[in-house]
Every structure is written in structure tokens, then in C-alpha cells.
Amino acid sequence: MPQLNPTPWFAILVFSWIIFLTIIPTKILNHTSPNEPTPMSEEKHKTGSWDWPW
């Protein structure tokens, strides 16, 4: 039963994980987000007390 021979399948598994962990994340991280976050102003917002109706 040749499918039980782990030699070629283990090599395929190792090489595919090397590709997934090295090449693909660098390609994904090279893309920039079109909506960069803008810094918020540091002024304090006025918060009032909340009167509960019950």
C-alpha cells in the first residue's frame, strides 16, 4: 500500500508549512489599509448623569 509510505507526504507537509509561514504572511503584511486611523482629540467630553425613569 504505497499511500502508507510517509516519505513523500511528510516532505510535502513540511514544504507547504514553510511556504505558509514565510512567504504568504510577508505578502499579506505588505498591503496597507486604505483607511488609516486618525488620532482623536484629547479634550474631555462632557458626561452628564443619567436619570433612570424608574
PDB file of N, CA and C in Angstrom:
ATOM      1  N   MET A   1       0.846  -1.182   0.000  1.00  0.00           N
ATOM      2  CA  MET A   1       0.000   0.000   0.000  1.00  0.00           C
ATOM      3  C   MET A   1       0.890   1.244   0.000  1.00  0.00           C
ATOM      4  N   PRO A   2       1.075   1.876  -1.142  1.00  0.00           N
ATOM      5  CA  PRO A   2       2.025   2.990  -1.237  1.00  0.00           C
ATOM      6  C   PRO A   2       1.564   4.249  -0.507  1.00  0.00           C
ATOM      7  N   GLN A   3       0.269   4.412  -0.239  1.00  0.00           N
ATOM      8  CA  GLN A   3      -0.185   5.623   0.447  1.00  0.00           C
ATOM      9  C   GLN A   3       0.231   5.640   1.905  1.00  0.00           C
ATOM     10  N   LEU A   4       0.690   4.512   2.442  1.00  0.00           N
ATOM     11  CA  LEU A   4       1.149   4.483   3.822  1.00  0.00           C
ATOM     12  C   LEU A   4       2.622   4.831   3.954  1.00  0.00           C
ATOM     13  N   ASN A   5       3.309   5.056   2.848  1.00  0.00           N
ATOM     14  CA  ASN A   5       4.702   5.463   2.876  1.00  0.00           C
ATOM     15  C   ASN A   5       4.751   6.950   3.226  1.00  0.00           C
ATOM     16  N   PRO A   6       5.261   7.336   4.403  1.00  0.00           N
ATOM     17  CA  PRO A   6       5.191   8.739   4.823  1.00  0.00           C
ATOM     18  C   PRO A   6       6.241   9.648   4.197  1.00  0.00           C
ATOM     19  N   THR A   7       7.186   9.090   3.467  1.00  0.00           N
ATOM     20  CA  THR A   7       8.305   9.891   2.972  1.00  0.00           C
ATOM     21  C   THR A   7       7.861  11.036   2.062  1.00  0.00           C
ATOM     22  N   PRO A   8       7.131  10.809   0.963  1.00  0.00           N
ATOM     23  CA  PRO A   8       6.785  11.968   0.121  1.00  0.00           C
ATOM     24  C   PRO A   8       5.760  12.888   0.781  1.00  0.00           C
ATOM     25  N   TRP A   9       4.859  12.343   1.583  1.00  0.00           N
ATOM     26  CA  TRP A   9       3.811  13.167   2.169  1.00  0.00           C
ATOM     27  C   TRP A   9       4.349  14.047   3.286  1.00  0.00           C
ATOM     28  N   PHE A  10       5.330  13.557   4.004  1.00  0.00           N
ATOM     29  CA  PHE A  10       5.932  14.380   5.058  1.00  0.00           C
ATOM     30  C   PHE A  10       6.696  15.549   4.446  1.00  0.00           C
ATOM     31  N   ALA A  11       7.387  15.312   3.344  1.00  0.00           N
ATOM     32  CA  ALA A  11       8.108  16.396   2.670  1.00  0.00           C
ATOM     33  C   ALA A  11       7.128  17.441   2.130  1.00  0.00           C
ATOM     34  N   ILE A  12       6.018  16.988   1.572  1.00  0.00           N
ATOM     35  CA  ILE A  12       5.004  17.928   1.076  1.00  0.00           C
ATOM     36  C   ILE A  12       4.435  18.743   2.230  1.00  0.00           C
ATOM     37  N   LEU A  13       4.173  18.105   3.364  1.00  0.00           N
ATOM     38  CA  LEU A  13       3.657  18.811   4.535  1.00  0.00           C
ATOM     39  C   LEU A  13       4.650  19.858   5.027  1.00  0.00           C
ATOM     40  N   VAL A  14       5.918  19.488   5.124  1.00  0.00           N
ATOM     41  CA  VAL A  14       6.936  20.426   5.625  1.00  0.00           C
ATOM     42  C   VAL A  14       7.097  21.603   4.681  1.00  0.00           C
ATOM     43  N   PHE A  15       7.192  21.338   3.383  1.00  0.00           N
ATOM     44  CA  PHE A  15       7.378  22.438   2.431  1.00  0.00           C
ATOM     45  C   PHE A  15       6.154  23.345   2.356  1.00  0.00           C
ATOM     46  N   SER A  16       4.969  22.779   2.468  1.00  0.00           N
ATOM     47  CA  SER A  16       3.782  23.632   2.430  1.00  0.00           C
ATOM     48  C   SER A  16       3.712  24.522   3.672  1.00  0.00           C
ATOM     49  N   TRP A  17       4.102  23.999   4.851  1.00  0.00           N
ATOM     50  CA  TRP A  17       4.104  24.843   6.047  1.00  0.00           C
ATOM     51  C   TRP A  17       5.193  25.895   5.986  1.00  0.00           C
ATOM     52  N   ILE A  18       6.314  25.584   5.380  1.00  0.00           N
ATOM     53  CA  ILE A  18       7.362  26.601   5.200  1.00  0.00           C
ATOM     54  C   ILE A  18       6.839  27.727   4.324  1.00  0.00           C
ATOM     55  N   ILE A  19       6.110  27.380   3.273  1.00  0.00           N
ATOM     56  CA  ILE A  19       5.539  28.407   2.406  1.00  0.00           C
ATOM     57  C   ILE A  19       4.489  29.214   3.161  1.00  0.00           C
ATOM     58  N   PHE A  20       3.618  28.543   3.906  1.00  0.00           N
ATOM     59  CA  PHE A  20       2.572  29.249   4.647  1.00  0.00           C
ATOM     60  C   PHE A  20       3.141  30.173   5.706  1.00  0.00           C
ATOM     61  N   LEU A  21       4.239  29.794   6.333  1.00  0.00           N
ATOM     62  CA  LEU A  21       4.765  30.582   7.441  1.00  0.00           C
ATOM     63  C   LEU A  21       5.788  31.633   7.024  1.00  0.00           C
ATOM     64  N   THR A  22       6.322  31.575   5.817  1.00  0.00           N
ATOM     65  CA  THR A  22       7.339  32.546   5.414  1.00  0.00           C
ATOM     66  C   THR A  22       6.872  33.452   4.283  1.00  0.00           C
ATOM     67  N   ILE A  23       6.373  32.880   3.222  1.00  0.00           N
ATOM     68  CA  ILE A  23       6.083  33.684   2.033  1.00  0.00           C
ATOM     69  C   ILE A  23       4.742  34.380   2.130  1.00  0.00           C
ATOM     70  N   ILE A  24       3.708  33.671   2.494  1.00  0.00           N
ATOM     71  CA  ILE A  24       2.353  34.231   2.478  1.00  0.00           C
ATOM     72  C   ILE A  24       2.176  35.368   3.496  1.00  0.00           C
ATOM     73  N   PRO A  25       2.652  35.268   4.756  1.00  0.00           N
ATOM     74  CA  PRO A  25       2.470  36.408   5.671  1.00  0.00           C
ATOM     75  C   PRO A  25       3.181  37.669   5.212  1.00  0.00           C
ATOM     76  N   THR A  26       4.351  37.537   4.580  1.00  0.00           N
ATOM     77  CA  THR A  26       5.032  38.746   4.103  1.00  0.00           C
ATOM     78  C   THR A  26       4.263  39.396   2.966  1.00  0.00           C
ATOM     79  N   LYS A  27       3.643  38.605   2.115  1.00  0.00           N
ATOM     80  CA  LYS A  27       2.844  39.190   1.035  1.00  0.00           C
ATOM     81  C   LYS A  27       1.596  39.881   1.584  1.00  0.00           C
ATOM     82  N   ILE A  28       0.991  39.304   2.609  1.00  0.00           N
ATOM     83  CA  ILE A  28      -0.214  39.899   3.184  1.00  0.00           C
ATOM     84  C   ILE A  28       0.127  41.170   3.954  1.00  0.00           C
ATOM     85  N   LEU A  29       1.231  41.170   4.693  1.00  0.00           N
ATOM     86  CA  LEU A  29       1.588  42.332   5.502  1.00  0.00           C
ATOM     87  C   LEU A  29       2.095  43.497   4.668  1.00  0.00           C
ATOM     88  N   ASN A  30       2.428  43.281   3.406  1.00  0.00           N
ATOM     89  CA  ASN A  30       2.876  44.380   2.558  1.00  0.00           C
ATOM     90  C   ASN A  30       1.728  45.280   2.127  1.00  0.00           C
ATOM     91  N   HIS A  31       0.511  44.806   2.212  1.00  0.00           N
ATOM     92  CA  HIS A  31      -0.635  45.625   1.835  1.00  0.00           C
ATOM     93  C   HIS A  31      -0.943  46.604   2.961  1.00  0.00           C
ATOM     94  N   THR A  32      -1.250  47.833   2.585  1.00  0.00           N
ATOM     95  CA  THR A  32      -1.607  48.830   3.589  1.00  0.00           C
ATOM     96  C   THR A  32      -3.114  49.020   3.599  1.00  0.00           C
ATOM     97  N   SER A  33      -3.612  49.429   4.720  1.00  0.00           N
ATOM     98  CA  SER A  33      -5.039  49.663   4.860  1.00  0.00           C
ATOM     99  C   SER A  33      -5.389  50.999   4.208  1.00  0.00           C
ATOM    100  N   PRO A  34      -6.468  51.069   3.421  1.00  0.00           N
ATOM    101  CA  PRO A  34      -6.818  52.344   2.787  1.00  0.00           C
ATOM    102  C   PRO A  34      -7.350  53.368   3.785  1.00  0.00           C
ATOM    103  N   ASN A  35      -7.841  52.939   4.919  1.00  0.00           N
ATOM    104  CA  ASN A  35      -8.392  53.857   5.916  1.00  0.00           C
ATOM    105  C   ASN A  35      -7.488  53.861   7.141  1.00  0.00           C
ATOM    106  N   GLU A  36      -6.497  54.722   7.124  1.00  0.00           N
ATOM    107  CA  GLU A  36      -5.603  54.820   8.264  1.00  0.00           C
ATOM    108  C   GLU A  36      -6.342  55.518   9.409  1.00  0.00           C
ATOM    109  N   PRO A  37      -6.162  55.067  10.646  1.00  0.00           N
ATOM    110  CA  PRO A  37      -6.863  55.706  11.764  1.00  0.00           C
ATOM    111  C   PRO A  37      -6.331  57.116  12.022  1.00  0.00           C
ATOM    112  N   THR A  38      -7.245  58.018  12.289  1.00  0.00           N
ATOM    113  CA  THR A  38      -6.849  59.389  12.600  1.00  0.00           C
ATOM    114  C   THR A  38      -6.805  59.551  14.111  1.00  0.00           C
ATOM    115  N   PRO A  39      -5.847  60.308  14.617  1.00  0.00           N
ATOM    116  CA  PRO A  39      -5.768  60.476  16.076  1.00  0.00           C
ATOM    117  C   PRO A  39      -6.953  61.288  16.596  1.00  0.00           C
ATOM    118  N   MET A  40      -7.463  60.890  17.739  1.00  0.00           N
ATOM    119  CA  MET A  40      -8.589  61.585  18.358  1.00  0.00           C
ATOM    120  C   MET A  40      -8.078  62.796  19.129  1.00  0.00           C
ATOM    121  N   SER A  41      -8.928  63.789  19.287  1.00  0.00           N
ATOM    122  CA  SER A  41      -8.546  64.936  20.097  1.00  0.00           C
ATOM    123  C   SER A  41      -8.577  64.534  21.566  1.00  0.00           C
ATOM    124  N   GLU A  42      -7.734  65.202  22.341  1.00  0.00           N
ATOM    125  CA  GLU A  42      -7.591  64.787  23.729  1.00  0.00           C
ATOM    126  C   GLU A  42      -8.465  65.594  24.689  1.00  0.00           C
ATOM    127  N   GLU A  43      -9.426  66.332  24.157  1.00  0.00           N
ATOM    128  CA  GLU A  43     -10.289  67.098  25.063  1.00  0.00           C
ATOM    129  C   GLU A  43     -11.294  66.163  25.726  1.00  0.00           C
ATOM    130  N   LYS A  44     -11.642  66.489  26.954  1.00  0.00           N
ATOM    131  CA  LYS A  44     -12.577  65.648  27.703  1.00  0.00           C
ATOM    132  C   LYS A  44     -14.004  65.918  27.218  1.00  0.00           C
ATOM    133  N   HIS A  45     -14.756  64.858  27.091  1.00  0.00           N
ATOM    134  CA  HIS A  45     -16.155  65.007  26.710  1.00  0.00           C
ATOM    135  C   HIS A  45     -16.991  65.226  27.978  1.00  0.00           C
ATOM    136  N   LYS A  46     -18.005  66.077  27.835  1.00  0.00           N
ATOM    137  CA  LYS A  46     -18.877  66.322  28.974  1.00  0.00           C
ATOM    138  C   LYS A  46     -19.849  65.157  29.109  1.00  0.00           C
ATOM    139  N   THR A  47     -19.839  64.544  30.260  1.00  0.00           N
ATOM    140  CA  THR A  47     -20.777  63.457  30.511  1.00  0.00           C
ATOM    141  C   THR A  47     -21.711  63.879  31.632  1.00  0.00           C
ATOM    142  N   GLY A  48     -22.971  63.754  31.373  1.00  0.00           N
ATOM    143  CA  GLY A  48     -23.966  64.106  32.398  1.00  0.00           C
ATOM    144  C   GLY A  48     -24.479  62.878  33.108  1.00  0.00           C
ATOM    145  N   SER A  49     -25.126  63.103  34.226  1.00  0.00           N
ATOM    146  CA  SER A  49     -25.691  61.963  34.933  1.00  0.00           C
ATOM    147  C   SER A  49     -26.936  61.481  34.201  1.00  0.00           C
ATOM    148  N   TRP A  50     -27.237  60.230  34.324  1.00  0.00           N
ATOM    149  CA  TRP A  50     -28.358  59.643  33.624  1.00  0.00           C
ATOM    150  C   TRP A  50     -29.447  59.359  34.652  1.00  0.00           C
ATOM    151  N   ASP A  51     -30.558  60.027  34.480  1.00  0.00           N
ATOM    152  CA  ASP A  51     -31.688  59.818  35.391  1.00  0.00           C
ATOM    153  C   ASP A  51     -32.508  58.643  34.877  1.00  0.00           C
ATOM    154  N   TRP A  52     -32.528  57.593  35.665  1.00  0.00           N
ATOM    155  CA  TRP A  52     -33.283  56.401  35.277  1.00  0.00           C
ATOM    156  C   TRP A  52     -34.772  56.650  35.520  1.00  0.00           C
ATOM    157  N   PRO A  53     -35.648  56.190  34.616  1.00  0.00           N
ATOM    158  CA  PRO A  53     -37.060  56.514  34.723  1.00  0.00           C
ATOM    159  C   PRO A  53     -37.809  55.710  35.794  1.00  0.00           C
ATOM    160  N   TRP A  54     -37.233  54.775  36.478  1.00  0.00           N
ATOM    161  CA  TRP A  54     -37.997  54.023  37.456  1.00  0.00           C
ATOM    162  C   TRP A  54     -37.685  54.429  38.858  1.00  0.00           C
TER     163      TRP A  54
END
